[in-house]
Amino acid sequence: MSLNRGEQMLCDYVSSHPEEQRFWVEKVRATAASEPDEHQAAADLTEELWRYYEERSAVASPFRELAGREGLRRISMRNLAEYWLRLWVEPRPKKKRPDAGAW
């Protein structure tokens, strides 16, 4: 999966800060548990990740420096949300499809 520069920066930041990583692992798992639709869970996490990125841009390096150089414009966090869902959440069982040969 390919992450954009902002997603990669956020992923690296969280990976290098154990408390932040614990928070996000729990957040991702809780979101997946409370939302039966995987696409909606990813959309919910996308919004949470953007809010976190905005908050970090005010106080933490390297976010602050990037925001100072380029401004704080909305970027997609969808790939990171989907990546973390795959990484930290047990896959859900596939829905059984009716047998195509049965009438």
PDB file of N, CA and C in Angstrom:
ATOM      1  N   MET A   1       0.854  -1.167   0.000  1.00  0.00           N
ATOM      2  CA  MET A   1       0.000   0.000   0.000  1.00  0.00           C
ATOM      3  C   MET A   1       0.899   1.228   0.000  1.00  0.00           C
ATOM      4  N   SER A   2       0.526   2.199  -0.787  1.00  0.00           N
ATOM      5  CA  SER A   2       1.300   3.422  -0.912  1.00  0.00           C
ATOM      6  C   SER A   2       0.688   4.525  -0.050  1.00  0.00           C
ATOM      7  N   LEU A   3       1.516   5.153   0.771  1.00  0.00           N
ATOM      8  CA  LEU A   3       1.065   6.255   1.617  1.00  0.00           C
ATOM      9  C   LEU A   3       1.585   7.567   1.044  1.00  0.00           C
ATOM     10  N   ASN A   4       0.781   8.624   1.142  1.00  0.00           N
ATOM     11  CA  ASN A   4       1.278   9.933   0.729  1.00  0.00           C
ATOM     12  C   ASN A   4       2.252  10.457   1.781  1.00  0.00           C
ATOM     13  N   ARG A   5       2.894  11.576   1.496  1.00  0.00           N
ATOM     14  CA  ARG A   5       3.936  12.089   2.391  1.00  0.00           C
ATOM     15  C   ARG A   5       3.409  12.372   3.794  1.00  0.00           C
ATOM     16  N   GLY A   6       2.235  12.964   3.891  1.00  0.00           N
ATOM     17  CA  GLY A   6       1.648  13.250   5.200  1.00  0.00           C
ATOM     18  C   GLY A   6       1.310  11.985   5.972  1.00  0.00           C
ATOM     19  N   GLU A   7       0.737  11.004   5.282  1.00  0.00           N
ATOM     20  CA  GLU A   7       0.420   9.723   5.924  1.00  0.00           C
ATOM     21  C   GLU A   7       1.689   9.026   6.399  1.00  0.00           C
ATOM     22  N   GLN A   8       2.725   9.045   5.559  1.00  0.00           N
ATOM     23  CA  GLN A   8       3.978   8.389   5.924  1.00  0.00           C
ATOM     24  C   GLN A   8       4.611   9.067   7.129  1.00  0.00           C
ATOM     25  N   MET A   9       4.570  10.397   7.163  1.00  0.00           N
ATOM     26  CA  MET A   9       5.122  11.135   8.296  1.00  0.00           C
ATOM     27  C   MET A   9       4.374  10.783   9.576  1.00  0.00           C
ATOM     28  N   LEU A  10       3.056  10.726   9.486  1.00  0.00           N
ATOM     29  CA  LEU A  10       2.242  10.386  10.649  1.00  0.00           C
ATOM     30  C   LEU A  10       2.503   8.946  11.095  1.00  0.00           C
ATOM     31  N   CYS A  11       2.596   8.045  10.158  1.00  0.00           N
ATOM     32  CA  CYS A  11       2.871   6.636  10.472  1.00  0.00           C
ATOM     33  C   CYS A  11       4.232   6.500  11.156  1.00  0.00           C
ATOM     34  N   ASP A  12       5.244   7.162  10.621  1.00  0.00           N
ATOM     35  CA  ASP A  12       6.582   7.110  11.217  1.00  0.00           C
ATOM     36  C   ASP A  12       6.584   7.718  12.615  1.00  0.00           C
ATOM     37  N   TYR A  13       5.876   8.825  12.777  1.00  0.00           N
ATOM     38  CA  TYR A  13       5.812   9.494  14.076  1.00  0.00           C
ATOM     39  C   TYR A  13       5.173   8.581  15.122  1.00  0.00           C
ATOM     40  N   VAL A  14       4.043   8.001  14.770  1.00  0.00           N
ATOM     41  CA  VAL A  14       3.341   7.119  15.704  1.00  0.00           C
ATOM     42  C   VAL A  14       4.198   5.889  16.016  1.00  0.00           C
ATOM     43  N   SER A  15       4.851   5.341  15.015  1.00  0.00           N
ATOM     44  CA  SER A  15       5.702   4.159  15.223  1.00  0.00           C
ATOM     45  C   SER A  15       6.870   4.443  16.159  1.00  0.00           C
ATOM     46  N   SER A  16       7.344   5.676  16.160  1.00  0.00           N
ATOM     47  CA  SER A  16       8.509   6.015  16.985  1.00  0.00           C
ATOM     48  C   SER A  16       8.141   6.512  18.381  1.00  0.00           C
ATOM     49  N   HIS A  17       6.852   6.612  18.680  1.00  0.00           N
ATOM     50  CA  HIS A  17       6.382   7.048  19.997  1.00  0.00           C
ATOM     51  C   HIS A  17       5.447   5.976  20.561  1.00  0.00           C
ATOM     52  N   PRO A  18       5.958   5.118  21.456  1.00  0.00           N
ATOM     53  CA  PRO A  18       5.169   3.971  21.946  1.00  0.00           C
ATOM     54  C   PRO A  18       3.811   4.340  22.543  1.00  0.00           C
ATOM     55  N   GLU A  19       3.726   5.431  23.281  1.00  0.00           N
ATOM     56  CA  GLU A  19       2.428   5.809  23.861  1.00  0.00           C
ATOM     57  C   GLU A  19       1.431   6.192  22.778  1.00  0.00           C
ATOM     58  N   GLU A  20       1.912   6.904  21.765  1.00  0.00           N
ATOM     59  CA  GLU A  20       1.039   7.269  20.645  1.00  0.00           C
ATOM     60  C   GLU A  20       0.589   6.014  19.904  1.00  0.00           C
ATOM     61  N   GLN A  21       1.512   5.085  19.713  1.00  0.00           N
ATOM     62  CA  GLN A  21       1.154   3.857  19.006  1.00  0.00           C
ATOM     63  C   GLN A  21       0.115   3.061  19.785  1.00  0.00           C
ATOM     64  N   ARG A  22       0.290   2.932  21.096  1.00  0.00           N
ATOM     65  CA  ARG A  22      -0.715   2.219  21.905  1.00  0.00           C
ATOM     66  C   ARG A  22      -2.080   2.885  21.766  1.00  0.00           C
ATOM     67  N   PHE A  23      -2.093   4.218  21.814  1.00  0.00           N
ATOM     68  CA  PHE A  23      -3.347   4.949  21.666  1.00  0.00           C
ATOM     69  C   PHE A  23      -4.004   4.610  20.334  1.00  0.00           C
ATOM     70  N   TRP A  24      -3.225   4.651  19.239  1.00  0.00           N
ATOM     71  CA  TRP A  24      -3.807   4.428  17.917  1.00  0.00           C
ATOM     72  C   TRP A  24      -4.204   2.973  17.683  1.00  0.00           C
ATOM     73  N   VAL A  25      -3.457   2.046  18.224  1.00  0.00           N
ATOM     74  CA  VAL A  25      -3.861   0.633  18.102  1.00  0.00           C
ATOM     75  C   VAL A  25      -5.230   0.447  18.748  1.00  0.00           C
ATOM     76  N   GLU A  26      -5.398   0.976  19.956  1.00  0.00           N
ATOM     77  CA  GLU A  26      -6.687   0.857  20.648  1.00  0.00           C
ATOM     78  C   GLU A  26      -7.792   1.610  19.915  1.00  0.00           C
ATOM     79  N   LYS A  27      -7.486   2.791  19.407  1.00  0.00           N
ATOM     80  CA  LYS A  27      -8.471   3.598  18.679  1.00  0.00           C
ATOM     81  C   LYS A  27      -8.937   2.860  17.424  1.00  0.00           C
ATOM     82  N   VAL A  28      -7.998   2.308  16.681  1.00  0.00           N
ATOM     83  CA  VAL A  28      -8.333   1.580  15.451  1.00  0.00           C
ATOM     84  C   VAL A  28      -9.175   0.347  15.779  1.00  0.00           C
ATOM     85  N   ARG A  29      -8.777  -0.404  16.788  1.00  0.00           N
ATOM     86  CA  ARG A  29      -9.534  -1.605  17.163  1.00  0.00           C
ATOM     87  C   ARG A  29     -10.925  -1.255  17.671  1.00  0.00           C
ATOM     88  N   ALA A  30     -11.036  -0.205  18.463  1.00  0.00           N
ATOM     89  CA  ALA A  30     -12.347   0.210  18.982  1.00  0.00           C
ATOM     90  C   ALA A  30     -13.255   0.680  17.851  1.00  0.00           C
ATOM     91  N   THR A  31     -12.701   1.415  16.911  1.00  0.00           N
ATOM     92  CA  THR A  31     -13.497   1.883  15.773  1.00  0.00           C
ATOM     93  C   THR A  31     -13.985   0.703  14.948  1.00  0.00           C
ATOM     94  N   ALA A  32     -13.109  -0.252  14.691  1.00  0.00           N
ATOM     95  CA  ALA A  32     -13.494  -1.435  13.914  1.00  0.00           C
ATOM     96  C   ALA A  32     -14.556  -2.250  14.641  1.00  0.00           C
ATOM     97  N   ALA A  33     -14.443  -2.349  15.964  1.00  0.00           N
ATOM     98  CA  ALA A  33     -15.414  -3.127  16.741  1.00  0.00           C
ATOM     99  C   ALA A  33     -16.780  -2.456  16.775  1.00  0.00           C
ATOM    100  N   SER A  34     -16.806  -1.136  16.764  1.00  0.00           N
ATOM    101  CA  SER A  34     -18.081  -0.426  16.881  1.00  0.00           C
ATOM    102  C   SER A  34     -18.749  -0.160  15.534  1.00  0.00           C
ATOM    103  N   GLU A  35     -18.025  -0.352  14.448  1.00  0.00           N
ATOM    104  CA  GLU A  35     -18.571  -0.064  13.119  1.00  0.00           C
ATOM    105  C   GLU A  35     -18.538  -1.330  12.268  1.00  0.00           C
ATOM    106  N   PRO A  36     -19.703  -1.932  11.991  1.00  0.00           N
ATOM    107  CA  PRO A  36     -19.724  -3.181  11.222  1.00  0.00           C
ATOM    108  C   PRO A  36     -19.303  -3.017   9.754  1.00  0.00           C
ATOM    109  N   ASP A  37     -19.473  -1.819   9.209  1.00  0.00           N
ATOM    110  CA  ASP A  37     -19.098  -1.562   7.817  1.00  0.00           C
ATOM    111  C   ASP A  37     -17.629  -1.138   7.766  1.00  0.00           C
ATOM    112  N   GLU A  38     -16.787  -1.951   7.131  1.00  0.00           N
ATOM    113  CA  GLU A  38     -15.350  -1.677   7.074  1.00  0.00           C
ATOM    114  C   GLU A  38     -15.046  -0.355   6.381  1.00  0.00           C
ATOM    115  N   HIS A  39     -15.822  -0.021   5.361  1.00  0.00           N
ATOM    116  CA  HIS A  39     -15.597   1.240   4.647  1.00  0.00           C
ATOM    117  C   HIS A  39     -15.908   2.438   5.536  1.00  0.00           C
ATOM    118  N   GLN A  40     -16.956   2.323   6.333  1.00  0.00           N
ATOM    119  CA  GLN A  40     -17.297   3.412   7.244  1.00  0.00           C
ATOM    120  C   GLN A  40     -16.270   3.519   8.362  1.00  0.00           C
ATOM    121  N   ALA A  41     -15.760   2.389   8.831  1.00  0.00           N
ATOM    122  CA  ALA A  41     -14.711   2.417   9.856  1.00  0.00           C
ATOM    123  C   ALA A  41     -13.487   3.159   9.325  1.00  0.00           C
ATOM    124  N   ALA A  42     -13.104   2.886   8.084  1.00  0.00           N
ATOM    125  CA  ALA A  42     -11.965   3.589   7.478  1.00  0.00           C
ATOM    126  C   ALA A  42     -12.262   5.077   7.328  1.00  0.00           C
ATOM    127  N   ALA A  43     -13.486   5.417   6.945  1.00  0.00           N
ATOM    128  CA  ALA A  43     -13.861   6.832   6.810  1.00  0.00           C
ATOM    129  C   ALA A  43     -13.811   7.538   8.162  1.00  0.00           C
ATOM    130  N   ASP A  44     -14.298   6.872   9.203  1.00  0.00           N
ATOM    131  CA  ASP A  44     -14.257   7.456  10.549  1.00  0.00           C
ATOM    132  C   ASP A  44     -12.814   7.683  10.995  1.00  0.00           C
ATOM    133  N   LEU A  45     -11.960   6.700  10.762  1.00  0.00           N
ATOM    134  CA  LEU A  45     -10.554   6.839  11.138  1.00  0.00           C
ATOM    135  C   LEU A  45      -9.853   7.916  10.320  1.00  0.00           C
ATOM    136  N   THR A  46     -10.239   8.051   9.062  1.00  0.00           N
ATOM    137  CA  THR A  46      -9.658   9.096   8.221  1.00  0.00           C
ATOM    138  C   THR A  46      -9.866  10.468   8.852  1.00  0.00           C
ATOM    139  N   GLU A  47     -11.073  10.713   9.337  1.00  0.00           N
ATOM    140  CA  GLU A  47     -11.367  12.000   9.988  1.00  0.00           C
ATOM    141  C   GLU A  47     -10.567  12.164  11.275  1.00  0.00           C
ATOM    142  N   GLU A  48     -10.484  11.101  12.070  1.00  0.00           N
ATOM    143  CA  GLU A  48      -9.712  11.153  13.319  1.00  0.00           C
ATOM    144  C   GLU A  48      -8.232  11.411  13.039  1.00  0.00           C
ATOM    145  N   LEU A  49      -7.700  10.749  12.024  1.00  0.00           N
ATOM    146  CA  LEU A  49      -6.290  10.938  11.672  1.00  0.00           C
ATOM    147  C   LEU A  49      -6.017  12.363  11.208  1.00  0.00           C
ATOM    148  N   TRP A  50      -6.934  12.945  10.435  1.00  0.00           N
ATOM    149  CA  TRP A  50      -6.739  14.323   9.993  1.00  0.00           C
ATOM    150  C   TRP A  50      -6.760  15.284  11.187  1.00  0.00           C
ATOM    151  N   ARG A  51      -7.687  15.089  12.106  1.00  0.00           N
ATOM    152  CA  ARG A  51      -7.723  15.951  13.299  1.00  0.00           C
ATOM    153  C   ARG A  51      -6.422  15.823  14.093  1.00  0.00           C
ATOM    154  N   TYR A  52      -5.914  14.616  14.210  1.00  0.00           N
ATOM    155  CA  TYR A  52      -4.655  14.384  14.917  1.00  0.00           C
ATOM    156  C   TYR A  52      -3.498  15.074  14.191  1.00  0.00           C
ATOM    157  N   TYR A  53      -3.468  14.967  12.871  1.00  0.00           N
ATOM    158  CA  TYR A  53      -2.429  15.618  12.067  1.00  0.00           C
ATOM    159  C   TYR A  53      -2.472  17.130  12.278  1.00  0.00           C
ATOM    160  N   GLU A  54      -3.672  17.698  12.268  1.00  0.00           N
ATOM    161  CA  GLU A  54      -3.813  19.140  12.522  1.00  0.00           C
ATOM    162  C   GLU A  54      -3.283  19.501  13.907  1.00  0.00           C
ATOM    163  N   GLU A  55      -3.649  18.733  14.911  1.00  0.00           N
ATOM    164  CA  GLU A  55      -3.223  19.002  16.288  1.00  0.00           C
ATOM    165  C   GLU A  55      -1.706  18.900  16.414  1.00  0.00           C
ATOM    166  N   ARG A  56      -1.119  17.879  15.835  1.00  0.00           N
ATOM    167  CA  ARG A  56       0.334  17.709  15.882  1.00  0.00           C
ATOM    168  C   ARG A  56       1.053  18.829  15.130  1.00  0.00           C
ATOM    169  N   SER A  57       0.438  19.367  14.087  1.00  0.00           N
ATOM    170  CA  SER A  57       1.057  20.439  13.302  1.00  0.00           C
ATOM    171  C   SER A  57       1.268  21.710  14.111  1.00  0.00           C
ATOM    172  N   ALA A  58       0.522  21.868  15.168  1.00  0.00           N
ATOM    173  CA  ALA A  58       0.672  23.054  16.014  1.00  0.00           C
ATOM    174  C   ALA A  58       1.798  22.896  17.028  1.00  0.00           C
ATOM    175  N   VAL A  59       2.173  21.662  17.353  1.00  0.00           N
ATOM    176  CA  VAL A  59       3.088  21.481  18.484  1.00  0.00           C
ATOM    177  C   VAL A  59       4.277  20.558  18.248  1.00  0.00           C
ATOM    178  N   ALA A  60       4.245  19.683  17.283  1.00  0.00           N
ATOM    179  CA  ALA A  60       5.272  18.637  17.195  1.00  0.00           C
ATOM    180  C   ALA A  60       6.053  18.694  15.887  1.00  0.00           C
ATOM    181  N   SER A  61       7.337  18.474  16.033  1.00  0.00           N
ATOM    182  CA  SER A  61       8.189  18.322  14.867  1.00  0.00           C
ATOM    183  C   SER A  61       7.990  16.889  14.356  1.00  0.00           C
ATOM    184  N   PRO A  62       7.989  16.631  13.099  1.00  0.00           N
ATOM    185  CA  PRO A  62       8.235  17.438  11.908  1.00  0.00           C
ATOM    186  C   PRO A  62       6.981  18.090  11.323  1.00  0.00           C
ATOM    187  N   PHE A  63       5.838  17.864  11.939  1.00  0.00           N
ATOM    188  CA  PHE A  63       4.576  18.406  11.417  1.00  0.00           C
ATOM    189  C   PHE A  63       4.586  19.933  11.400  1.00  0.00           C
ATOM    190  N   ARG A  64       5.082  20.516  12.481  1.00  0.00           N
ATOM    191  CA  ARG A  64       5.095  21.972  12.610  1.00  0.00           C
ATOM    192  C   ARG A  64       5.933  22.599  11.492  1.00  0.00           C
ATOM    193  N   GLU A  65       7.099  22.020  11.218  1.00  0.00           N
ATOM    194  CA  GLU A  65       7.972  22.552  10.175  1.00  0.00           C
ATOM    195  C   GLU A  65       7.315  22.453   8.796  1.00  0.00           C
ATOM    196  N   LEU A  66       6.704  21.324   8.513  1.00  0.00           N
ATOM    197  CA  LEU A  66       6.042  21.150   7.220  1.00  0.00           C
ATOM    198  C   LEU A  66       4.886  22.131   7.068  1.00  0.00           C
ATOM    199  N   ALA A  67       4.100  22.291   8.109  1.00  0.00           N
ATOM    200  CA  ALA A  67       2.983  23.242   8.059  1.00  0.00           C
ATOM    201  C   ALA A  67       3.501  24.668   7.899  1.00  0.00           C
ATOM    202  N   GLY A  68       4.634  24.979   8.525  1.00  0.00           N
ATOM    203  CA  GLY A  68       5.223  26.302   8.382  1.00  0.00           C
ATOM    204  C   GLY A  68       5.692  26.579   6.967  1.00  0.00           C
ATOM    205  N   ARG A  69       6.244  25.575   6.302  1.00  0.00           N
ATOM    206  CA  ARG A  69       6.735  25.729   4.927  1.00  0.00           C
ATOM    207  C   ARG A  69       5.613  25.729   3.905  1.00  0.00           C
ATOM    208  N   GLU A  70       4.674  24.797   4.061  1.00  0.00           N
ATOM    209  CA  GLU A  70       3.680  24.561   3.012  1.00  0.00           C
ATOM    210  C   GLU A  70       2.265  24.961   3.395  1.00  0.00           C
ATOM    211  N   GLY A  71       2.076  25.346   4.635  1.00  0.00           N
ATOM    212  CA  GLY A  71       0.721  25.624   5.093  1.00  0.00           C
ATOM    213  C   GLY A  71       0.033  24.320   5.469  1.00  0.00           C
ATOM    214  N   LEU A  72      -1.098  24.457   6.110  1.00  0.00           N
ATOM    215  CA  LEU A  72      -1.835  23.273   6.558  1.00  0.00           C
ATOM    216  C   LEU A  72      -3.056  23.102   5.668  1.00  0.00           C
ATOM    217  N   ARG A  73      -2.884  22.335   4.615  1.00  0.00           N
ATOM    218  CA  ARG A  73      -4.011  22.069   3.721  1.00  0.00           C
ATOM    219  C   ARG A  73      -4.414  20.608   3.863  1.00  0.00           C
ATOM    220  N   ARG A  74      -5.676  20.374   3.701  1.00  0.00           N
ATOM    221  CA  ARG A  74      -6.245  19.036   3.903  1.00  0.00           C
ATOM    222  C   ARG A  74      -5.605  18.026   2.962  1.00  0.00           C
ATOM    223  N   ILE A  75      -5.163  16.908   3.538  1.00  0.00           N
ATOM    224  CA  ILE A  75      -4.648  15.792   2.748  1.00  0.00           C
ATOM    225  C   ILE A  75      -5.400  14.528   3.154  1.00  0.00           C
ATOM    226  N   SER A  76      -5.444  13.591   2.249  1.00  0.00           N
ATOM    227  CA  SER A  76      -6.153  12.341   2.520  1.00  0.00           C
ATOM    228  C   SER A  76      -5.375  11.486   3.509  1.00  0.00           C
ATOM    229  N   MET A  77      -6.097  10.895   4.426  1.00  0.00           N
ATOM    230  CA  MET A  77      -5.524   9.944   5.379  1.00  0.00           C
ATOM    231  C   MET A  77      -6.165   8.566   5.193  1.00  0.00           C
ATOM    232  N   ARG A  78      -6.855   8.372   4.078  1.00  0.00           N
ATOM    233  CA  ARG A  78      -7.603   7.138   3.834  1.00  0.00           C
ATOM    234  C   ARG A  78      -6.699   5.905   3.755  1.00  0.00           C
ATOM    235  N   ASN A  79      -5.581   6.020   3.028  1.00  0.00           N
ATOM    236  CA  ASN A  79      -4.695   4.860   2.898  1.00  0.00           C
ATOM    237  C   ASN A  79      -4.113   4.445   4.242  1.00  0.00           C
ATOM    238  N   LEU A  80      -3.762   5.421   5.072  1.00  0.00           N
ATOM    239  CA  LEU A  80      -3.224   5.102   6.394  1.00  0.00           C
ATOM    240  C   LEU A  80      -4.296   4.441   7.257  1.00  0.00           C
ATOM    241  N   ALA A  81      -5.517   4.948   7.190  1.00  0.00           N
ATOM    242  CA  ALA A  81      -6.616   4.345   7.954  1.00  0.00           C
ATOM    243  C   ALA A  81      -6.819   2.886   7.533  1.00  0.00           C
ATOM    244  N   GLU A  82      -6.852   2.638   6.239  1.00  0.00           N
ATOM    245  CA  GLU A  82      -7.042   1.270   5.748  1.00  0.00           C
ATOM    246  C   GLU A  82      -5.853   0.380   6.106  1.00  0.00           C
ATOM    247  N   TYR A  83      -4.657   0.928   6.023  1.00  0.00           N
ATOM    248  CA  TYR A  83      -3.456   0.162   6.371  1.00  0.00           C
ATOM    249  C   TYR A  83      -3.491  -0.257   7.837  1.00  0.00           C
ATOM    250  N   TRP A  84      -3.792   0.679   8.727  1.00  0.00           N
ATOM    251  CA  TRP A  84      -3.828   0.352  10.149  1.00  0.00           C
ATOM    252  C   TRP A  84      -4.957  -0.618  10.471  1.00  0.00           C
ATOM    253  N   LEU A  85      -6.080  -0.515   9.788  1.00  0.00           N
ATOM    254  CA  LEU A  85      -7.151  -1.491  10.000  1.00  0.00           C
ATOM    255  C   LEU A  85      -6.671  -2.895   9.634  1.00  0.00           C
ATOM    256  N   ARG A  86      -5.956  -3.020   8.538  1.00  0.00           N
ATOM    257  CA  ARG A  86      -5.434  -4.332   8.131  1.00  0.00           C
ATOM    258  C   ARG A  86      -4.351  -4.825   9.077  1.00  0.00           C
ATOM    259  N   LEU A  87      -3.547  -3.890   9.570  1.00  0.00           N
ATOM    260  CA  LEU A  87      -2.409  -4.244  10.412  1.00  0.00           C
ATOM    261  C   LEU A  87      -2.825  -4.649  11.819  1.00  0.00           C
ATOM    262  N   TRP A  88      -3.790  -3.946  12.401  1.00  0.00           N
ATOM    263  CA  TRP A  88      -4.080  -4.090  13.826  1.00  0.00           C
ATOM    264  C   TRP A  88      -5.420  -4.744  14.154  1.00  0.00           C
ATOM    265  N   VAL A  89      -6.227  -5.060  13.160  1.00  0.00           N
ATOM    266  CA  VAL A  89      -7.547  -5.638  13.424  1.00  0.00           C
ATOM    267  C   VAL A  89      -7.614  -7.020  12.788  1.00  0.00           C
ATOM    268  N   GLU A  90      -8.116  -7.964  13.555  1.00  0.00           N
ATOM    269  CA  GLU A  90      -8.313  -9.325  13.051  1.00  0.00           C
ATOM    270  C   GLU A  90      -9.289  -9.273  11.871  1.00  0.00           C
ATOM    271  N   PRO A  91      -8.967  -9.948  10.765  1.00  0.00           N
ATOM    272  CA  PRO A  91      -9.882  -9.922   9.617  1.00  0.00           C
ATOM    273  C   PRO A  91     -11.254 -10.483   9.982  1.00  0.00           C
ATOM    274  N   ARG A  92     -12.262  -9.873   9.426  1.00  0.00           N
ATOM    275  CA  ARG A  92     -13.630 -10.352   9.655  1.00  0.00           C
ATOM    276  C   ARG A  92     -13.903 -11.528   8.732  1.00  0.00           C
ATOM    277  N   PRO A  93     -14.731 -12.455   9.182  1.00  0.00           N
ATOM    278  CA  PRO A  93     -15.056 -13.583   8.300  1.00  0.00           C
ATOM    279  C   PRO A  93     -15.798 -13.087   7.060  1.00  0.00           C
ATOM    280  N   LYS A  94     -15.481 -13.715   5.950  1.00  0.00           N
ATOM    281  CA  LYS A  94     -16.142 -13.360   4.695  1.00  0.00           C
ATOM    282  C   LYS A  94     -17.593 -13.813   4.743  1.00  0.00           C
ATOM    283  N   LYS A  95     -18.464 -13.025   4.141  1.00  0.00           N
ATOM    284  CA  LYS A  95     -19.864 -13.422   4.044  1.00  0.00           C
ATOM    285  C   LYS A  95     -19.960 -14.561   3.041  1.00  0.00           C
ATOM    286  N   LYS A  96     -20.739 -15.564   3.395  1.00  0.00           N
ATOM    287  CA  LYS A  96     -20.909 -16.698   2.491  1.00  0.00           C
ATOM    288  C   LYS A  96     -21.849 -16.293   1.368  1.00  0.00           C
ATOM    289  N   ARG A  97     -21.391 -16.576   0.156  1.00  0.00           N
ATOM    290  CA  ARG A  97     -22.229 -16.309  -1.006  1.00  0.00           C
ATOM    291  C   ARG A  97     -23.007 -17.569  -1.338  1.00  0.00           C
ATOM    292  N   PRO A  98     -24.217 -17.404  -1.809  1.00  0.00           N
ATOM    293  CA  PRO A  98     -24.976 -18.598  -2.203  1.00  0.00           C
ATOM    294  C   PRO A  98     -24.250 -19.321  -3.338  1.00  0.00           C
ATOM    295  N   ASP A  99     -24.358 -20.631  -3.331  1.00  0.00           N
ATOM    296  CA  ASP A  99     -23.720 -21.440  -4.362  1.00  0.00           C
ATOM    297  C   ASP A  99     -24.277 -21.042  -5.721  1.00  0.00           C
ATOM    298  N   ALA A 100     -23.390 -20.703  -6.648  1.00  0.00           N
ATOM    299  CA  ALA A 100     -23.812 -20.233  -7.973  1.00  0.00           C
ATOM    300  C   ALA A 100     -24.540 -21.325  -8.759  1.00  0.00           C
ATOM    301  N   GLY A 101     -24.219 -22.590  -8.498  1.00  0.00           N
ATOM    302  CA  GLY A 101     -24.837 -23.687  -9.234  1.00  0.00           C
ATOM    303  C   GLY A 101     -26.184 -24.117  -8.671  1.00  0.00           C
ATOM    304  N   ALA A 102     -26.523 -23.672  -7.490  1.00  0.00           N
ATOM    305  CA  ALA A 102     -27.783 -24.096  -6.859  1.00  0.00           C
ATOM    306  C   ALA A 102     -28.930 -23.219  -7.344  1.00  0.00           C
ATOM    307  N   TRP A 103     -30.052 -23.843  -7.608  1.00  0.00           N
ATOM    308  CA  TRP A 103     -31.252 -23.103  -8.032  1.00  0.00           C
ATOM    309  C   TRP A 103     -32.269 -23.248  -7.008  1.00  0.00           C
TER     310      TRP A 103
END
